[in-house]
């Protein structure tokens, strides 16, 4: 006998709301195989005045955050086709998951616990103005780009490795211009000298980013891989900024 399916409902919104998006009719249930885990889901989608409703039925056990990411990816795939056809841009937000059978009713926050709960936040918060000043001098563009990529790494669960590695590469570009280092190996060497980490430390991020950068979306990874990418990236960038800018400023 087949296992009974559990139904989850996800609610969300398509941004920007000023550009009204409504499906003529709901997308009927489609069987989706999650490539990282091999789990199967039946997904149905409706969008009414930008309000997203997703119905997911599955016989497998799921973490609700993984289900959120699957639902978001499904809607983003649909909207990306509209982007290609019309040249419009869309942002997809999934803010709630419900399951009557499992008594689940959760409104998602905007935090990523492995980053938002780290011990260094208090120190960084006290240095907000100093960190902001880092973005404003002649090499500040590299840190603006770095912080932008960190934001994208948190938001995009599928391409986390890509954005994490590109954020770290911004440090290499900074070293190239700041220290007038012409060869790439020398630029990386300076990054590791300042951050006190090594290229080997982020090898998993570099490998994951390489698959995505070259259009291979079939990398087998899971939530623990994503957490590892994020923690390592934040460690490198925090240490780099601390040693390159904050230590001297805090002595004054």
Protein backbone atom coordinates (compact mmCIF):
# COMPACT_ATOMS: atom_id res chain seq x y z
CA UNK A 1 0.00 0.00 0.00
CA UNK A 2 1.30 3.43 -0.95
CA UNK A 3 1.93 5.92 1.82
CA UNK A 4 -0.68 8.62 2.19
CA UNK A 5 0.24 12.05 0.92
CA UNK A 6 0.50 15.05 3.19
CA UNK A 7 -0.64 18.42 1.84
CA UNK A 8 1.17 21.66 2.57
CA UNK A 9 -0.01 25.12 1.57
CA UNK A 10 2.48 27.90 1.00
CA UNK A 11 1.52 31.56 0.73
CA UNK A 12 3.60 34.25 -0.86
CA UNK A 13 3.73 37.32 -3.05
CA UNK A 14 5.21 38.39 -6.37
CA UNK A 15 7.03 41.72 -6.25
CA UNK A 16 6.63 44.43 -7.44
CA UNK A 17 2.95 44.59 -6.55
CA UNK A 18 2.42 47.60 -8.80
CA UNK A 19 2.81 45.23 -11.76
CA UNK A 20 -0.31 43.08 -11.39
CA UNK A 21 0.21 39.40 -12.14
CA UNK A 22 -2.69 36.94 -12.29
CA UNK A 23 -2.74 33.47 -13.82
CA UNK A 24 -5.63 32.88 -16.22
CA UNK A 25 -6.07 29.51 -14.52
CA UNK A 26 -4.10 27.63 -11.84
CA UNK A 27 -1.22 25.44 -12.92
CA UNK A 28 -2.50 21.90 -12.40
CA UNK A 29 -0.54 19.49 -10.21
CA UNK A 30 2.90 18.73 -11.63
CA UNK A 31 5.13 15.98 -10.28
CA UNK A 32 8.51 17.42 -9.37
CA UNK A 33 11.60 15.45 -8.36
CA UNK A 34 13.86 17.40 -6.03
CA UNK A 35 17.27 16.80 -7.61
CA UNK A 36 19.28 17.16 -4.39
CA UNK A 37 17.30 14.62 -2.35
CA UNK A 38 15.43 12.62 -4.99
CA UNK A 39 12.16 13.22 -3.14
CA UNK A 40 8.97 13.57 -5.15
CA UNK A 41 6.31 16.26 -4.80
CA UNK A 42 3.09 17.18 -6.55
CA UNK A 43 2.94 20.97 -6.89
CA UNK A 44 0.00 23.13 -7.89
CA UNK A 45 0.28 26.90 -8.27
CA UNK A 46 -2.07 29.86 -8.49
CA UNK A 47 -1.25 33.58 -8.59
CA UNK A 48 -4.09 36.05 -8.09
CA UNK A 49 -3.26 39.78 -8.05
CA UNK A 50 0.34 38.86 -7.16
CA UNK A 51 -0.77 36.69 -4.22
CA UNK A 52 0.83 33.25 -4.45
CA UNK A 53 -0.81 30.02 -3.31
CA UNK A 54 1.11 26.76 -3.67
CA UNK A 55 -0.28 23.35 -2.85
CA UNK A 56 2.31 20.63 -2.27
CA UNK A 57 1.47 16.99 -1.73
CA UNK A 58 4.18 14.50 -0.81
CA UNK A 59 4.65 11.15 0.91
CA UNK A 60 8.13 12.12 2.10
CA UNK A 61 9.15 13.87 5.30
CA UNK A 62 10.29 17.44 4.65
CA UNK A 63 11.87 20.26 6.57
CA UNK A 64 9.54 23.26 6.18
CA UNK A 65 12.42 25.50 5.09
CA UNK A 66 13.32 23.08 2.33
CA UNK A 67 9.68 23.09 1.23
CA UNK A 68 9.73 26.89 1.21
CA UNK A 69 12.80 26.84 -1.01
CA UNK A 70 11.25 24.28 -3.36
CA UNK A 71 8.07 26.35 -3.63
CA UNK A 72 9.98 29.56 -4.24
CA UNK A 73 12.11 27.91 -6.91
CA UNK A 74 9.00 26.59 -8.66
CA UNK A 75 7.37 30.04 -8.80
CA UNK A 76 10.64 31.70 -9.79
CA UNK A 77 11.02 29.24 -12.67
CA UNK A 78 7.55 30.20 -13.89
CA UNK A 79 8.19 33.93 -13.56
CA UNK A 80 11.61 33.61 -15.21
CA UNK A 81 9.86 32.52 -18.40
CA UNK A 82 7.78 35.71 -18.22
CA UNK A 83 11.01 37.64 -17.73
CA UNK A 84 12.42 36.09 -20.90
CA UNK A 85 9.29 36.82 -22.93
CA UNK A 86 8.38 40.29 -21.67
CA UNK A 87 11.61 41.66 -20.18
CA UNK A 88 10.00 42.15 -16.76
CA UNK A 89 11.78 41.44 -13.47
CA UNK A 90 10.12 39.70 -10.52
CA UNK A 91 11.02 38.93 -6.91
CA UNK A 92 9.36 35.96 -5.24
CA UNK A 93 8.67 35.89 -1.50
CA UNK A 94 7.20 32.89 0.31
CA UNK A 95 6.16 34.03 3.76
CA UNK A 96 3.95 31.29 5.25
CA UNK A 97 3.51 27.51 5.30
CA UNK A 98 0.48 25.62 6.61
CA UNK A 99 -0.29 21.93 7.09
CA UNK A 100 -3.50 21.00 8.89
CA UNK A 101 -2.50 17.36 9.34
CA UNK A 102 0.79 18.24 11.05
CA UNK A 103 -0.61 21.34 12.81
CA UNK A 104 1.91 23.59 11.08
CA UNK A 105 1.24 27.31 10.71
CA UNK A 106 4.54 29.16 10.40
CA UNK A 107 5.27 32.66 9.16
CA UNK A 108 8.87 32.75 7.97
CA UNK A 109 11.25 35.38 9.23
CA UNK A 110 13.96 37.03 7.17
CA UNK A 111 16.89 35.61 9.14
CA UNK A 112 19.21 32.72 8.37
CA UNK A 113 20.05 31.30 11.82
CA UNK A 114 23.60 30.12 11.05
CA UNK A 115 24.44 33.75 10.22
CA UNK A 116 22.03 35.79 12.33
CA UNK A 117 22.99 33.92 15.52
CA UNK A 118 26.77 34.17 15.21
CA UNK A 119 28.72 35.64 18.12
CA UNK A 120 30.35 38.47 16.15
CA UNK A 121 27.17 40.42 15.48
CA UNK A 122 27.47 42.70 18.52
CA UNK A 123 30.99 43.77 17.57
CA UNK A 124 30.02 44.34 13.94
CA UNK A 125 26.95 46.31 14.97
CA UNK A 126 29.13 48.61 17.07
CA UNK A 127 31.32 49.12 13.99
CA UNK A 128 28.45 49.84 11.60
CA UNK A 129 29.68 53.32 10.65
CA UNK A 130 33.24 52.11 10.17
CA UNK A 131 32.07 49.27 7.93
CA UNK A 132 29.85 51.67 6.00
CA UNK A 133 32.88 53.92 5.45
CA UNK A 134 34.68 50.97 3.87
CA UNK A 135 32.21 51.16 0.98
CA UNK A 136 32.80 54.84 0.26
CA UNK A 137 36.49 55.22 -0.67
CA UNK A 138 38.06 54.54 -4.07
CA UNK A 139 38.06 50.76 -3.51
CA UNK A 140 34.64 50.78 -1.86
CA UNK A 141 32.94 49.41 -4.98
CA UNK A 142 34.42 45.99 -4.25
CA UNK A 143 32.84 45.87 -0.80
CA UNK A 144 29.49 47.17 -2.07
CA UNK A 145 29.54 44.31 -4.56
CA UNK A 146 30.67 41.88 -1.85
CA UNK A 147 27.83 42.81 0.52
CA UNK A 148 25.33 42.70 -2.35
CA UNK A 149 26.43 39.14 -3.14
CA UNK A 150 26.09 38.15 0.51
CA UNK A 151 22.50 39.36 0.40
CA UNK A 152 21.88 37.30 -2.73
CA UNK A 153 23.55 34.24 -1.15
CA UNK A 154 21.03 34.35 1.71
CA UNK A 155 18.08 34.93 -0.60
CA UNK A 156 18.84 32.38 -3.31
CA UNK A 157 18.98 28.88 -1.86
CA UNK A 158 19.84 27.26 -5.22
CA UNK A 159 22.82 29.48 -6.12
CA UNK A 160 24.29 30.08 -2.66
CA UNK A 161 27.75 28.74 -3.56
CA UNK A 162 27.97 30.99 -6.62
CA UNK A 163 27.20 34.18 -4.71
CA UNK A 164 29.40 33.19 -1.77
CA UNK A 165 32.41 32.62 -3.98
CA UNK A 166 31.83 35.82 -5.94
CA UNK A 167 31.65 37.75 -2.66
CA UNK A 168 35.05 36.35 -1.67
CA UNK A 169 36.41 37.13 -5.13
CA UNK A 170 35.59 40.78 -4.47
CA UNK A 171 38.29 40.66 -1.79
CA UNK A 172 40.75 39.46 -4.41
CA UNK A 173 39.82 42.36 -6.68
CA UNK A 174 40.27 44.73 -3.77
CA UNK A 175 43.78 43.37 -3.19
CA UNK A 176 44.54 43.71 -6.89
CA UNK A 177 43.85 47.44 -6.90
CA UNK A 178 44.80 48.33 -3.33
CA UNK A 179 48.18 46.59 -3.33
CA UNK A 180 48.89 46.81 -7.08
CA UNK A 181 49.23 43.01 -7.39
CA UNK A 182 49.08 41.98 -11.05
CA UNK A 183 49.03 38.17 -10.92
CA UNK A 184 45.93 36.36 -9.70
CA UNK A 185 47.84 33.93 -7.47
CA UNK A 186 49.44 36.87 -5.72
CA UNK A 187 46.05 38.50 -5.22
CA UNK A 188 44.66 35.33 -3.62
CA UNK A 189 47.76 35.02 -1.46
CA UNK A 190 47.12 38.50 -0.11
CA UNK A 191 43.47 37.61 0.66
CA UNK A 192 44.59 34.60 2.72
CA UNK A 193 47.33 36.60 4.42
CA UNK A 194 44.83 39.23 5.59
CA UNK A 195 41.94 36.88 6.45
CA UNK A 196 44.06 34.13 8.05
CA UNK A 197 42.26 31.49 6.01
CA UNK A 198 43.44 29.39 3.07
CA UNK A 199 42.17 28.56 -0.41
CA UNK A 200 41.56 25.01 0.81
CA UNK A 201 39.14 26.33 3.44
CA UNK A 202 36.73 27.53 0.73
CA UNK A 203 37.40 24.76 -1.81
CA UNK A 204 33.89 23.35 -1.40
CA UNK A 205 32.43 26.80 -2.17
CA UNK A 206 34.65 27.22 -5.22
CA UNK A 207 33.65 23.78 -6.52
CA UNK A 208 29.95 24.44 -5.98
CA UNK A 209 30.20 27.85 -7.63
CA UNK A 210 32.00 26.32 -10.61
CA UNK A 211 29.16 23.92 -11.34
CA UNK A 212 26.59 26.72 -11.26
CA UNK A 213 28.75 29.21 -13.17
CA UNK A 214 29.11 26.72 -16.02
CA UNK A 215 25.38 26.04 -16.19
CA UNK A 216 25.39 22.69 -14.38
CA UNK A 217 22.46 22.81 -11.97
CA UNK A 218 22.65 19.15 -10.98
CA UNK A 219 25.13 19.47 -8.14
CA UNK A 220 24.03 17.17 -5.32
CA UNK A 221 23.88 19.38 -2.24
CA UNK A 222 21.60 19.84 0.74
CA UNK A 223 20.83 22.31 3.51
CA UNK A 224 23.97 21.37 5.46
CA UNK A 225 26.12 22.21 2.41
CA UNK A 226 24.44 25.59 2.11
CA UNK A 227 25.03 26.32 5.80
CA UNK A 228 28.69 25.37 5.38
CA UNK A 229 29.05 27.74 2.39
CA UNK A 230 27.52 30.63 4.32
CA UNK A 231 29.48 30.16 7.55
CA UNK A 232 32.81 29.85 5.76
CA UNK A 233 32.12 32.86 3.56
CA UNK A 234 31.17 35.06 6.51
CA UNK A 235 34.23 33.90 8.43
CA UNK A 236 36.60 34.87 5.62
CA UNK A 237 34.99 38.25 4.94
CA UNK A 238 34.60 39.19 8.61
CA UNK A 239 38.25 38.39 9.34
CA UNK A 240 39.39 40.29 6.26
CA UNK A 241 37.44 43.44 7.17
CA UNK A 242 38.41 43.18 10.83
CA UNK A 243 42.14 42.97 10.11
CA UNK A 244 42.25 45.31 7.10
CA UNK A 245 40.11 48.11 8.56
CA UNK A 246 38.62 47.72 12.03
CA UNK A 247 41.55 46.71 14.22
CA UNK A 248 43.46 49.91 13.54
CA UNK A 249 40.35 52.11 13.79
CA UNK A 250 39.38 50.61 17.13
CA UNK A 251 42.81 51.44 18.55
CA UNK A 252 42.26 55.14 17.89
